[in-house]
Amino acid sequence: MPYKEREIEKKYHSIGEVAEMFKVAPSLIRYWEGEFDIIRPKKDKKGNRRYTKDDIQKIRYVYHLVKEKGYTLQGAQEVIASGKNQGFDKVAAVQKLQEIKDFLINLKDELKARHGS
């Protein structure tokens, strides 16, 4: 099997990159930052937001509650405030499982292509 370099992971992402990940406008990410205490990205010297993996996981949780589960902002805030972090863990687990599934599908396709099956 040929050597395949690991993809370089960025430590920080811009607000535009994060918005693209969730297919939402950057203004929505900024708005959620004001509405949810758990979203607190670092800012550089110019004041640009720099999101870490942890910040993105928190945004993913808010996105899951608001966009996928249909909670209102107040409802999502109450779920987060009540300490129901099990949902946060589930969202992270589902994301990781999706990544594993994608990897396995790619691996299967590569093996099929090599052996002409």
PDB file of N, CA and C in Angstrom:
ATOM      1  N   MET A   1       0.844  -1.171   0.000  1.00  0.00           N
ATOM      2  CA  MET A   1       0.000   0.000   0.000  1.00  0.00           C
ATOM      3  C   MET A   1       0.891   1.236   0.000  1.00  0.00           C
ATOM      4  N   PRO A   2       0.689   2.157  -0.911  1.00  0.00           N
ATOM      5  CA  PRO A   2       1.556   3.334  -0.969  1.00  0.00           C
ATOM      6  C   PRO A   2       1.349   4.230   0.254  1.00  0.00           C
ATOM      7  N   TYR A   3       2.410   4.924   0.586  1.00  0.00           N
ATOM      8  CA  TYR A   3       2.367   5.838   1.726  1.00  0.00           C
ATOM      9  C   TYR A   3       1.449   7.002   1.402  1.00  0.00           C
ATOM     10  N   LYS A   4       0.559   7.285   2.329  1.00  0.00           N
ATOM     11  CA  LYS A   4      -0.353   8.414   2.137  1.00  0.00           C
ATOM     12  C   LYS A   4      -0.144   9.379   3.289  1.00  0.00           C
ATOM     13  N   GLU A   5       0.240  10.599   2.949  1.00  0.00           N
ATOM     14  CA  GLU A   5       0.489  11.592   3.984  1.00  0.00           C
ATOM     15  C   GLU A   5      -0.804  11.961   4.689  1.00  0.00           C
ATOM     16  N   ARG A   6      -0.676  12.178   5.984  1.00  0.00           N
ATOM     17  CA  ARG A   6      -1.835  12.616   6.749  1.00  0.00           C
ATOM     18  C   ARG A   6      -2.152  14.059   6.392  1.00  0.00           C
ATOM     19  N   GLU A   7      -3.421  14.335   6.362  1.00  0.00           N
ATOM     20  CA  GLU A   7      -3.856  15.695   6.076  1.00  0.00           C
ATOM     21  C   GLU A   7      -3.491  16.593   7.254  1.00  0.00           C
ATOM     22  N   ILE A   8      -2.961  17.745   6.971  1.00  0.00           N
ATOM     23  CA  ILE A   8      -2.575  18.680   8.024  1.00  0.00           C
ATOM     24  C   ILE A   8      -3.844  19.322   8.579  1.00  0.00           C
ATOM     25  N   GLU A   9      -3.964  19.253   9.890  1.00  0.00           N
ATOM     26  CA  GLU A   9      -5.131  19.837  10.537  1.00  0.00           C
ATOM     27  C   GLU A   9      -4.786  21.235  11.032  1.00  0.00           C
ATOM     28  N   LYS A  10      -5.682  22.159  10.740  1.00  0.00           N
ATOM     29  CA  LYS A  10      -5.477  23.527  11.197  1.00  0.00           C
ATOM     30  C   LYS A  10      -5.831  23.630  12.677  1.00  0.00           C
ATOM     31  N   LYS A  11      -5.099  24.472  13.371  1.00  0.00           N
ATOM     32  CA  LYS A  11      -5.377  24.696  14.781  1.00  0.00           C
ATOM     33  C   LYS A  11      -6.508  25.710  14.951  1.00  0.00           C
ATOM     34  N   TYR A  12      -6.540  26.703  14.079  1.00  0.00           N
ATOM     35  CA  TYR A  12      -7.558  27.747  14.145  1.00  0.00           C
ATOM     36  C   TYR A  12      -8.241  27.902  12.797  1.00  0.00           C
ATOM     37  N   HIS A  13      -9.536  28.227  12.849  1.00  0.00           N
ATOM     38  CA  HIS A  13     -10.311  28.461  11.635  1.00  0.00           C
ATOM     39  C   HIS A  13     -10.937  29.845  11.709  1.00  0.00           C
ATOM     40  N   SER A  14     -11.091  30.482  10.555  1.00  0.00           N
ATOM     41  CA  SER A  14     -11.733  31.792  10.503  1.00  0.00           C
ATOM     42  C   SER A  14     -13.249  31.618  10.576  1.00  0.00           C
ATOM     43  N   ILE A  15     -13.946  32.699  10.809  1.00  0.00           N
ATOM     44  CA  ILE A  15     -15.404  32.637  10.886  1.00  0.00           C
ATOM     45  C   ILE A  15     -16.002  32.211   9.542  1.00  0.00           C
ATOM     46  N   GLY A  16     -15.376  32.624   8.446  1.00  0.00           N
ATOM     47  CA  GLY A  16     -15.848  32.224   7.119  1.00  0.00           C
ATOM     48  C   GLY A  16     -15.734  30.718   6.904  1.00  0.00           C
ATOM     49  N   GLU A  17     -14.624  30.153   7.364  1.00  0.00           N
ATOM     50  CA  GLU A  17     -14.425  28.704   7.237  1.00  0.00           C
ATOM     51  C   GLU A  17     -15.438  27.937   8.081  1.00  0.00           C
ATOM     52  N   VAL A  18     -15.682  28.425   9.277  1.00  0.00           N
ATOM     53  CA  VAL A  18     -16.651  27.766  10.162  1.00  0.00           C
ATOM     54  C   VAL A  18     -18.054  27.871   9.565  1.00  0.00           C
ATOM     55  N   ALA A  19     -18.396  29.033   9.069  1.00  0.00           N
ATOM     56  CA  ALA A  19     -19.717  29.217   8.451  1.00  0.00           C
ATOM     57  C   ALA A  19     -19.886  28.279   7.262  1.00  0.00           C
ATOM     58  N   GLU A  20     -18.837  28.110   6.483  1.00  0.00           N
ATOM     59  CA  GLU A  20     -18.874  27.211   5.330  1.00  0.00           C
ATOM     60  C   GLU A  20     -19.091  25.764   5.770  1.00  0.00           C
ATOM     61  N   MET A  21     -18.478  25.364   6.886  1.00  0.00           N
ATOM     62  CA  MET A  21     -18.643  23.994   7.400  1.00  0.00           C
ATOM     63  C   MET A  21     -20.112  23.669   7.660  1.00  0.00           C
ATOM     64  N   PHE A  22     -20.843  24.667   8.145  1.00  0.00           N
ATOM     65  CA  PHE A  22     -22.245  24.460   8.511  1.00  0.00           C
ATOM     66  C   PHE A  22     -23.210  24.998   7.450  1.00  0.00           C
ATOM     67  N   LYS A  23     -22.651  25.547   6.387  1.00  0.00           N
ATOM     68  CA  LYS A  23     -23.455  26.114   5.296  1.00  0.00           C
ATOM     69  C   LYS A  23     -24.443  27.167   5.817  1.00  0.00           C
ATOM     70  N   VAL A  24     -23.907  28.072   6.633  1.00  0.00           N
ATOM     71  CA  VAL A  24     -24.672  29.197   7.161  1.00  0.00           C
ATOM     72  C   VAL A  24     -23.869  30.477   6.923  1.00  0.00           C
ATOM     73  N   ALA A  25     -24.496  31.599   7.132  1.00  0.00           N
ATOM     74  CA  ALA A  25     -23.819  32.890   6.972  1.00  0.00           C
ATOM     75  C   ALA A  25     -22.929  33.177   8.183  1.00  0.00           C
ATOM     76  N   PRO A  26     -21.786  33.831   7.970  1.00  0.00           N
ATOM     77  CA  PRO A  26     -20.939  34.209   9.114  1.00  0.00           C
ATOM     78  C   PRO A  26     -21.687  35.041  10.157  1.00  0.00           C
ATOM     79  N   SER A  27     -22.652  35.832   9.700  1.00  0.00           N
ATOM     80  CA  SER A  27     -23.416  36.656  10.643  1.00  0.00           C
ATOM     81  C   SER A  27     -24.188  35.796  11.642  1.00  0.00           C
ATOM     82  N   LEU A  28     -24.627  34.607  11.210  1.00  0.00           N
ATOM     83  CA  LEU A  28     -25.342  33.715  12.125  1.00  0.00           C
ATOM     84  C   LEU A  28     -24.398  33.195  13.213  1.00  0.00           C
ATOM     85  N   ILE A  29     -23.174  32.872  12.828  1.00  0.00           N
ATOM     86  CA  ILE A  29     -22.190  32.420  13.813  1.00  0.00           C
ATOM     87  C   ILE A  29     -21.926  33.536  14.828  1.00  0.00           C
ATOM     88  N   ARG A  30     -21.776  34.772  14.337  1.00  0.00           N
ATOM     89  CA  ARG A  30     -21.559  35.912  15.243  1.00  0.00           C
ATOM     90  C   ARG A  30     -22.763  36.100  16.166  1.00  0.00           C
ATOM     91  N   TYR A  31     -23.956  35.940  15.608  1.00  0.00           N
ATOM     92  CA  TYR A  31     -25.176  36.098  16.397  1.00  0.00           C
ATOM     93  C   TYR A  31     -25.235  35.043  17.502  1.00  0.00           C
ATOM     94  N   TRP A  32     -24.961  33.793  17.143  1.00  0.00           N
ATOM     95  CA  TRP A  32     -24.973  32.722  18.145  1.00  0.00           C
ATOM     96  C   TRP A  32     -23.929  32.983  19.224  1.00  0.00           C
ATOM     97  N   GLU A  33     -22.822  33.576  18.843  1.00  0.00           N
ATOM     98  CA  GLU A  33     -21.778  33.896  19.813  1.00  0.00           C
ATOM     99  C   GLU A  33     -22.332  34.812  20.900  1.00  0.00           C
ATOM    100  N   GLY A  34     -23.185  35.736  20.508  1.00  0.00           N
ATOM    101  CA  GLY A  34     -23.808  36.642  21.472  1.00  0.00           C
ATOM    102  C   GLY A  34     -24.915  35.992  22.290  1.00  0.00           C
ATOM    103  N   GLU A  35     -25.563  34.987  21.716  1.00  0.00           N
ATOM    104  CA  GLU A  35     -26.692  34.330  22.363  1.00  0.00           C
ATOM    105  C   GLU A  35     -26.301  33.163  23.271  1.00  0.00           C
ATOM    106  N   PHE A  36     -25.193  32.510  22.958  1.00  0.00           N
ATOM    107  CA  PHE A  36     -24.794  31.309  23.701  1.00  0.00           C
ATOM    108  C   PHE A  36     -23.441  31.532  24.365  1.00  0.00           C
ATOM    109  N   ASP A  37     -23.422  31.412  25.681  1.00  0.00           N
ATOM    110  CA  ASP A  37     -22.189  31.640  26.445  1.00  0.00           C
ATOM    111  C   ASP A  37     -21.107  30.610  26.146  1.00  0.00           C
ATOM    112  N   ILE A  38     -21.500  29.440  25.647  1.00  0.00           N
ATOM    113  CA  ILE A  38     -20.493  28.393  25.410  1.00  0.00           C
ATOM    114  C   ILE A  38     -19.619  28.697  24.199  1.00  0.00           C
ATOM    115  N   ILE A  39     -20.074  29.594  23.325  1.00  0.00           N
ATOM    116  CA  ILE A  39     -19.301  29.932  22.123  1.00  0.00           C
ATOM    117  C   ILE A  39     -18.479  31.182  22.410  1.00  0.00           C
ATOM    118  N   ARG A  40     -17.187  30.999  22.637  1.00  0.00           N
ATOM    119  CA  ARG A  40     -16.281  32.105  22.927  1.00  0.00           C
ATOM    120  C   ARG A  40     -14.962  31.904  22.190  1.00  0.00           C
ATOM    121  N   PRO A  41     -14.910  32.241  20.905  1.00  0.00           N
ATOM    122  CA  PRO A  41     -13.657  32.060  20.168  1.00  0.00           C
ATOM    123  C   PRO A  41     -12.608  33.082  20.598  1.00  0.00           C
ATOM    124  N   LYS A  42     -11.351  32.713  20.393  1.00  0.00           N
ATOM    125  CA  LYS A  42     -10.267  33.659  20.650  1.00  0.00           C
ATOM    126  C   LYS A  42     -10.252  34.680  19.524  1.00  0.00           C
ATOM    127  N   LYS A  43      -9.717  35.842  19.823  1.00  0.00           N
ATOM    128  CA  LYS A  43      -9.568  36.869  18.791  1.00  0.00           C
ATOM    129  C   LYS A  43      -8.098  37.230  18.679  1.00  0.00           C
ATOM    130  N   ASP A  44      -7.660  37.459  17.431  1.00  0.00           N
ATOM    131  CA  ASP A  44      -6.270  37.844  17.231  1.00  0.00           C
ATOM    132  C   ASP A  44      -6.110  39.342  17.448  1.00  0.00           C
ATOM    133  N   LYS A  45      -4.908  39.849  17.191  1.00  0.00           N
ATOM    134  CA  LYS A  45      -4.628  41.265  17.428  1.00  0.00           C
ATOM    135  C   LYS A  45      -5.531  42.192  16.631  1.00  0.00           C
ATOM    136  N   LYS A  46      -5.958  41.748  15.451  1.00  0.00           N
ATOM    137  CA  LYS A  46      -6.836  42.561  14.603  1.00  0.00           C
ATOM    138  C   LYS A  46      -8.305  42.444  15.003  1.00  0.00           C
ATOM    139  N   GLY A  47      -8.603  41.536  15.924  1.00  0.00           N
ATOM    140  CA  GLY A  47      -9.986  41.340  16.348  1.00  0.00           C
ATOM    141  C   GLY A  47     -10.713  40.253  15.558  1.00  0.00           C
ATOM    142  N   ASN A  48      -9.993  39.554  14.678  1.00  0.00           N
ATOM    143  CA  ASN A  48     -10.610  38.467  13.921  1.00  0.00           C
ATOM    144  C   ASN A  48     -10.800  37.252  14.822  1.00  0.00           C
ATOM    145  N   ARG A  49     -11.944  36.620  14.684  1.00  0.00           N
ATOM    146  CA  ARG A  49     -12.233  35.434  15.489  1.00  0.00           C
ATOM    147  C   ARG A  49     -11.430  34.247  14.984  1.00  0.00           C
ATOM    148  N   ARG A  50     -10.898  33.472  15.910  1.00  0.00           N
ATOM    149  CA  ARG A  50     -10.140  32.257  15.594  1.00  0.00           C
ATOM    150  C   ARG A  50     -10.770  31.102  16.351  1.00  0.00           C
ATOM    151  N   TYR A  51     -11.401  30.196  15.614  1.00  0.00           N
ATOM    152  CA  TYR A  51     -12.140  29.093  16.214  1.00  0.00           C
ATOM    153  C   TYR A  51     -11.282  27.840  16.303  1.00  0.00           C
ATOM    154  N   THR A  52     -11.271  27.219  17.484  1.00  0.00           N
ATOM    155  CA  THR A  52     -10.559  25.963  17.694  1.00  0.00           C
ATOM    156  C   THR A  52     -11.523  24.803  17.419  1.00  0.00           C
ATOM    157  N   LYS A  53     -10.990  23.581  17.459  1.00  0.00           N
ATOM    158  CA  LYS A  53     -11.842  22.397  17.301  1.00  0.00           C
ATOM    159  C   LYS A  53     -12.936  22.374  18.363  1.00  0.00           C
ATOM    160  N   ASP A  54     -12.576  22.760  19.583  1.00  0.00           N
ATOM    161  CA  ASP A  54     -13.544  22.781  20.679  1.00  0.00           C
ATOM    162  C   ASP A  54     -14.666  23.780  20.398  1.00  0.00           C
ATOM    163  N   ASP A  55     -14.302  24.963  19.907  1.00  0.00           N
ATOM    164  CA  ASP A  55     -15.309  25.963  19.545  1.00  0.00           C
ATOM    165  C   ASP A  55     -16.242  25.415  18.467  1.00  0.00           C
ATOM    166  N   ILE A  56     -15.671  24.730  17.492  1.00  0.00           N
ATOM    167  CA  ILE A  56     -16.466  24.189  16.383  1.00  0.00           C
ATOM    168  C   ILE A  56     -17.405  23.107  16.892  1.00  0.00           C
ATOM    169  N   GLN A  57     -16.954  22.286  17.858  1.00  0.00           N
ATOM    170  CA  GLN A  57     -17.837  21.271  18.444  1.00  0.00           C
ATOM    171  C   GLN A  57     -19.011  21.934  19.153  1.00  0.00           C
ATOM    172  N   LYS A  58     -18.762  23.028  19.840  1.00  0.00           N
ATOM    173  CA  LYS A  58     -19.830  23.741  20.534  1.00  0.00           C
ATOM    174  C   LYS A  58     -20.810  24.347  19.536  1.00  0.00           C
ATOM    175  N   ILE A  59     -20.295  24.894  18.454  1.00  0.00           N
ATOM    176  CA  ILE A  59     -21.168  25.437  17.406  1.00  0.00           C
ATOM    177  C   ILE A  59     -21.973  24.300  16.779  1.00  0.00           C
ATOM    178  N   ARG A  60     -21.335  23.153  16.586  1.00  0.00           N
ATOM    179  CA  ARG A  60     -22.032  21.988  16.032  1.00  0.00           C
ATOM    180  C   ARG A  60     -23.203  21.590  16.933  1.00  0.00           C
ATOM    181  N   TYR A  61     -23.002  21.663  18.248  1.00  0.00           N
ATOM    182  CA  TYR A  61     -24.064  21.344  19.204  1.00  0.00           C
ATOM    183  C   TYR A  61     -25.214  22.341  19.087  1.00  0.00           C
ATOM    184  N   VAL A  62     -24.894  23.621  19.042  1.00  0.00           N
ATOM    185  CA  VAL A  62     -25.926  24.649  18.891  1.00  0.00           C
ATOM    186  C   VAL A  62     -26.653  24.451  17.558  1.00  0.00           C
ATOM    187  N   TYR A  63     -25.894  24.197  16.501  1.00  0.00           N
ATOM    188  CA  TYR A  63     -26.482  23.957  15.177  1.00  0.00           C
ATOM    189  C   TYR A  63     -27.436  22.757  15.241  1.00  0.00           C
ATOM    190  N   HIS A  64     -27.008  21.699  15.904  1.00  0.00           N
ATOM    191  CA  HIS A  64     -27.833  20.497  16.038  1.00  0.00           C
ATOM    192  C   HIS A  64     -29.147  20.823  16.752  1.00  0.00           C
ATOM    193  N   LEU A  65     -29.069  21.553  17.852  1.00  0.00           N
ATOM    194  CA  LEU A  65     -30.275  21.888  18.608  1.00  0.00           C
ATOM    195  C   LEU A  65     -31.206  22.797  17.825  1.00  0.00           C
ATOM    196  N   VAL A  66     -30.655  23.835  17.210  1.00  0.00           N
ATOM    197  CA  VAL A  66     -31.483  24.855  16.564  1.00  0.00           C
ATOM    198  C   VAL A  66     -31.937  24.437  15.161  1.00  0.00           C
ATOM    199  N   LYS A  67     -30.998  23.983  14.340  1.00  0.00           N
ATOM    200  CA  LYS A  67     -31.311  23.703  12.935  1.00  0.00           C
ATOM    201  C   LYS A  67     -31.848  22.288  12.705  1.00  0.00           C
ATOM    202  N   GLU A  68     -31.328  21.313  13.438  1.00  0.00           N
ATOM    203  CA  GLU A  68     -31.736  19.932  13.191  1.00  0.00           C
ATOM    204  C   GLU A  68     -32.874  19.489  14.102  1.00  0.00           C
ATOM    205  N   LYS A  69     -32.814  19.858  15.375  1.00  0.00           N
ATOM    206  CA  LYS A  69     -33.861  19.459  16.319  1.00  0.00           C
ATOM    207  C   LYS A  69     -35.030  20.448  16.349  1.00  0.00           C
ATOM    208  N   GLY A  70     -34.808  21.662  15.841  1.00  0.00           N
ATOM    209  CA  GLY A  70     -35.886  22.645  15.762  1.00  0.00           C
ATOM    210  C   GLY A  70     -36.151  23.428  17.033  1.00  0.00           C
ATOM    211  N   TYR A  71     -35.197  23.446  17.950  1.00  0.00           N
ATOM    212  CA  TYR A  71     -35.365  24.239  19.161  1.00  0.00           C
ATOM    213  C   TYR A  71     -35.357  25.725  18.822  1.00  0.00           C
ATOM    214  N   THR A  72     -36.091  26.505  19.625  1.00  0.00           N
ATOM    215  CA  THR A  72     -35.948  27.949  19.542  1.00  0.00           C
ATOM    216  C   THR A  72     -34.619  28.294  20.206  1.00  0.00           C
ATOM    217  N   LEU A  73     -34.164  29.530  20.024  1.00  0.00           N
ATOM    218  CA  LEU A  73     -32.911  29.917  20.683  1.00  0.00           C
ATOM    219  C   LEU A  73     -33.039  29.805  22.192  1.00  0.00           C
ATOM    220  N   GLN A  74     -34.181  30.241  22.714  1.00  0.00           N
ATOM    221  CA  GLN A  74     -34.390  30.158  24.165  1.00  0.00           C
ATOM    222  C   GLN A  74     -34.420  28.697  24.613  1.00  0.00           C
ATOM    223  N   GLY A  75     -35.071  27.843  23.854  1.00  0.00           N
ATOM    224  CA  GLY A  75     -35.116  26.422  24.195  1.00  0.00           C
ATOM    225  C   GLY A  75     -33.734  25.799  24.182  1.00  0.00           C
ATOM    226  N   ALA A  76     -32.944  26.145  23.177  1.00  0.00           N
ATOM    227  CA  ALA A  76     -31.578  25.625  23.089  1.00  0.00           C
ATOM    228  C   ALA A  76     -30.730  26.135  24.255  1.00  0.00           C
ATOM    229  N   GLN A  77     -30.924  27.392  24.616  1.00  0.00           N
ATOM    230  CA  GLN A  77     -30.188  27.961  25.752  1.00  0.00           C
ATOM    231  C   GLN A  77     -30.542  27.222  27.036  1.00  0.00           C
ATOM    232  N   GLU A  78     -31.824  26.868  27.193  1.00  0.00           N
ATOM    233  CA  GLU A  78     -32.260  26.149  28.394  1.00  0.00           C
ATOM    234  C   GLU A  78     -31.665  24.747  28.442  1.00  0.00           C
ATOM    235  N   VAL A  79     -31.617  24.072  27.294  1.00  0.00           N
ATOM    236  CA  VAL A  79     -31.022  22.732  27.245  1.00  0.00           C
ATOM    237  C   VAL A  79     -29.543  22.813  27.638  1.00  0.00           C
ATOM    238  N   ILE A  80     -28.854  23.795  27.095  1.00  0.00           N
ATOM    239  CA  ILE A  80     -27.427  23.958  27.396  1.00  0.00           C
ATOM    240  C   ILE A  80     -27.227  24.336  28.867  1.00  0.00           C
ATOM    241  N   ALA A  81     -28.061  25.258  29.362  1.00  0.00           N
ATOM    242  CA  ALA A  81     -27.935  25.720  30.744  1.00  0.00           C
ATOM    243  C   ALA A  81     -28.262  24.620  31.748  1.00  0.00           C
ATOM    244  N   SER A  82     -29.146  23.705  31.371  1.00  0.00           N
ATOM    245  CA  SER A  82     -29.536  22.640  32.305  1.00  0.00           C
ATOM    246  C   SER A  82     -28.449  21.587  32.438  1.00  0.00           C
ATOM    247  N   GLY A  83     -27.371  21.759  31.665  1.00  0.00           N
ATOM    248  CA  GLY A  83     -26.239  20.851  31.793  1.00  0.00           C
ATOM    249  C   GLY A  83     -26.423  19.535  31.085  1.00  0.00           C
ATOM    250  N   LYS A  84     -27.293  19.502  30.123  1.00  0.00           N
ATOM    251  CA  LYS A  84     -27.515  18.264  29.370  1.00  0.00           C
ATOM    252  C   LYS A  84     -26.423  18.110  28.330  1.00  0.00           C
ATOM    253  N   ASN A  85     -25.227  17.865  28.807  1.00  0.00           N
ATOM    254  CA  ASN A  85     -24.091  17.708  27.902  1.00  0.00           C
ATOM    255  C   ASN A  85     -24.084  16.357  27.214  1.00  0.00           C
ATOM    256  N   GLN A  86     -25.007  15.475  27.600  1.00  0.00           N
ATOM    257  CA  GLN A  86     -25.084  14.190  26.913  1.00  0.00           C
ATOM    258  C   GLN A  86     -25.340  14.437  25.432  1.00  0.00           C
ATOM    259  N   GLY A  87     -26.171  15.409  25.137  1.00  0.00           N
ATOM    260  CA  GLY A  87     -26.464  15.743  23.744  1.00  0.00           C
ATOM    261  C   GLY A  87     -25.211  16.204  23.026  1.00  0.00           C
ATOM    262  N   PHE A  88     -24.387  16.985  23.694  1.00  0.00           N
ATOM    263  CA  PHE A  88     -23.128  17.455  23.118  1.00  0.00           C
ATOM    264  C   PHE A  88     -22.238  16.268  22.792  1.00  0.00           C
ATOM    265  N   ASP A  89     -22.172  15.320  23.730  1.00  0.00           N
ATOM    266  CA  ASP A  89     -21.365  14.123  23.508  1.00  0.00           C
ATOM    267  C   ASP A  89     -21.903  13.289  22.357  1.00  0.00           C
ATOM    268  N   LYS A  90     -23.221  13.181  22.255  1.00  0.00           N
ATOM    269  CA  LYS A  90     -23.830  12.405  21.172  1.00  0.00           C
ATOM    270  C   LYS A  90     -23.534  13.033  19.823  1.00  0.00           C
ATOM    271  N   VAL A  91     -23.631  14.344  19.746  1.00  0.00           N
ATOM    272  CA  VAL A  91     -23.355  15.028  18.480  1.00  0.00           C
ATOM    273  C   VAL A  91     -21.901  14.801  18.080  1.00  0.00           C
ATOM    274  N   ALA A  92     -20.986  14.886  19.025  1.00  0.00           N
ATOM    275  CA  ALA A  92     -19.567  14.646  18.740  1.00  0.00           C
ATOM    276  C   ALA A  92     -19.349  13.199  18.301  1.00  0.00           C
ATOM    277  N   ALA A  93     -20.027  12.260  18.950  1.00  0.00           N
ATOM    278  CA  ALA A  93     -19.878  10.848  18.596  1.00  0.00           C
ATOM    279  C   ALA A  93     -20.413  10.576  17.193  1.00  0.00           C
ATOM    280  N   VAL A  94     -21.549  11.146  16.869  1.00  0.00           N
ATOM    281  CA  VAL A  94     -22.122  10.955  15.532  1.00  0.00           C
ATOM    282  C   VAL A  94     -21.189  11.524  14.473  1.00  0.00           C
ATOM    283  N   GLN A  95     -20.607  12.680  14.735  1.00  0.00           N
ATOM    284  CA  GLN A  95     -19.673  13.290  13.798  1.00  0.00           C
ATOM    285  C   GLN A  95     -18.464  12.384  13.575  1.00  0.00           C
ATOM    286  N   LYS A  96     -17.915  11.837  14.654  1.00  0.00           N
ATOM    287  CA  LYS A  96     -16.748  10.956  14.547  1.00  0.00           C
ATOM    288  C   LYS A  96     -17.105   9.686  13.781  1.00  0.00           C
ATOM    289  N   LEU A  97     -18.275   9.118  14.051  1.00  0.00           N
ATOM    290  CA  LEU A  97     -18.716   7.922  13.329  1.00  0.00           C
ATOM    291  C   LEU A  97     -18.889   8.200  11.844  1.00  0.00           C
ATOM    292  N   GLN A  98     -19.380   9.379  11.501  1.00  0.00           N
ATOM    293  CA  GLN A  98     -19.535   9.749  10.093  1.00  0.00           C
ATOM    294  C   GLN A  98     -18.175   9.820   9.407  1.00  0.00           C
ATOM    295  N   GLU A  99     -17.175  10.376  10.110  1.00  0.00           N
ATOM    296  CA  GLU A  99     -15.826  10.447   9.560  1.00  0.00           C
ATOM    297  C   GLU A  99     -15.258   9.045   9.325  1.00  0.00           C
ATOM    298  N   ILE A 100     -15.493   8.143  10.279  1.00  0.00           N
ATOM    299  CA  ILE A 100     -15.013   6.761  10.147  1.00  0.00           C
ATOM    300  C   ILE A 100     -15.714   6.082   8.969  1.00  0.00           C
ATOM    301  N   LYS A 101     -17.007   6.281   8.856  1.00  0.00           N
ATOM    302  CA  LYS A 101     -17.764   5.692   7.746  1.00  0.00           C
ATOM    303  C   LYS A 101     -17.222   6.177   6.407  1.00  0.00           C
ATOM    304  N   ASP A 102     -16.999   7.479   6.286  1.00  0.00           N
ATOM    305  CA  ASP A 102     -16.457   8.037   5.041  1.00  0.00           C
ATOM    306  C   ASP A 102     -15.093   7.439   4.718  1.00  0.00           C
ATOM    307  N   PHE A 103     -14.254   7.288   5.740  1.00  0.00           N
ATOM    308  CA  PHE A 103     -12.930   6.697   5.545  1.00  0.00           C
ATOM    309  C   PHE A 103     -13.051   5.262   5.036  1.00  0.00           C
ATOM    310  N   LEU A 104     -13.929   4.478   5.654  1.00  0.00           N
ATOM    311  CA  LEU A 104     -14.103   3.083   5.254  1.00  0.00           C
ATOM    312  C   LEU A 104     -14.664   2.949   3.838  1.00  0.00           C
ATOM    313  N   ILE A 105     -15.584   3.824   3.472  1.00  0.00           N
ATOM    314  CA  ILE A 105     -16.130   3.804   2.110  1.00  0.00           C
ATOM    315  C   ILE A 105     -15.031   4.108   1.099  1.00  0.00           C
ATOM    316  N   ASN A 106     -14.197   5.101   1.386  1.00  0.00           N
ATOM    317  CA  ASN A 106     -13.075   5.433   0.498  1.00  0.00           C
ATOM    318  C   ASN A 106     -12.099   4.276   0.386  1.00  0.00           C
ATOM    319  N   LEU A 107     -11.821   3.626   1.507  1.00  0.00           N
ATOM    320  CA  LEU A 107     -10.920   2.484   1.518  1.00  0.00           C
ATOM    321  C   LEU A 107     -11.482   1.342   0.669  1.00  0.00           C
ATOM    322  N   LYS A 108     -12.760   1.062   0.820  1.00  0.00           N
ATOM    323  CA  LYS A 108     -13.426   0.021   0.038  1.00  0.00           C
ATOM    324  C   LYS A 108     -13.350   0.329  -1.454  1.00  0.00           C
ATOM    325  N   ASP A 109     -13.616   1.592  -1.807  1.00  0.00           N
ATOM    326  CA  ASP A 109     -13.547   1.995  -3.225  1.00  0.00           C
ATOM    327  C   ASP A 109     -12.149   1.840  -3.786  1.00  0.00           C
ATOM    328  N   GLU A 110     -11.137   2.192  -2.988  1.00  0.00           N
ATOM    329  CA  GLU A 110      -9.739   2.038  -3.436  1.00  0.00           C
ATOM    330  C   GLU A 110      -9.398   0.577  -3.675  1.00  0.00           C
ATOM    331  N   LEU A 111      -9.838  -0.280  -2.773  1.00  0.00           N
ATOM    332  CA  LEU A 111      -9.561  -1.706  -2.914  1.00  0.00           C
ATOM    333  C   LEU A 111     -10.271  -2.293  -4.142  1.00  0.00           C
ATOM    334  N   LYS A 112     -11.495  -1.855  -4.378  1.00  0.00           N
ATOM    335  CA  LYS A 112     -12.240  -2.310  -5.558  1.00  0.00           C
ATOM    336  C   LYS A 112     -11.521  -1.883  -6.838  1.00  0.00           C
ATOM    337  N   ALA A 113     -11.055  -0.639  -6.842  1.00  0.00           N
ATOM    338  CA  ALA A 113     -10.377  -0.112  -8.041  1.00  0.00           C
ATOM    339  C   ALA A 113      -9.077  -0.880  -8.327  1.00  0.00           C
ATOM    340  N   ARG A 114      -8.363  -1.267  -7.287  1.00  0.00           N
ATOM    341  CA  ARG A 114      -7.108  -2.000  -7.454  1.00  0.00           C
ATOM    342  C   ARG A 114      -7.325  -3.409  -7.976  1.00  0.00           C
ATOM    343  N   HIS A 115      -8.351  -4.047  -7.463  1.00  0.00           N
ATOM    344  CA  HIS A 115      -8.566  -5.443  -7.819  1.00  0.00           C
ATOM    345  C   HIS A 115      -9.593  -5.627  -8.927  1.00  0.00           C
ATOM    346  N   GLY A 116     -10.079  -4.534  -9.467  1.00  0.00           N
ATOM    347  CA  GLY A 116     -10.985  -4.580 -10.602  1.00  0.00           C
ATOM    348  C   GLY A 116     -12.283  -5.314 -10.336  1.00  0.00           C
ATOM    349  N   SER A 117     -12.741  -5.305  -9.106  1.00  0.00           N
ATOM    350  CA  SER A 117     -13.988  -6.010  -8.773  1.00  0.00           C
ATOM    351  C   SER A 117     -15.181  -5.148  -9.038  1.00  0.00           C
TER     352      SER A 117
END
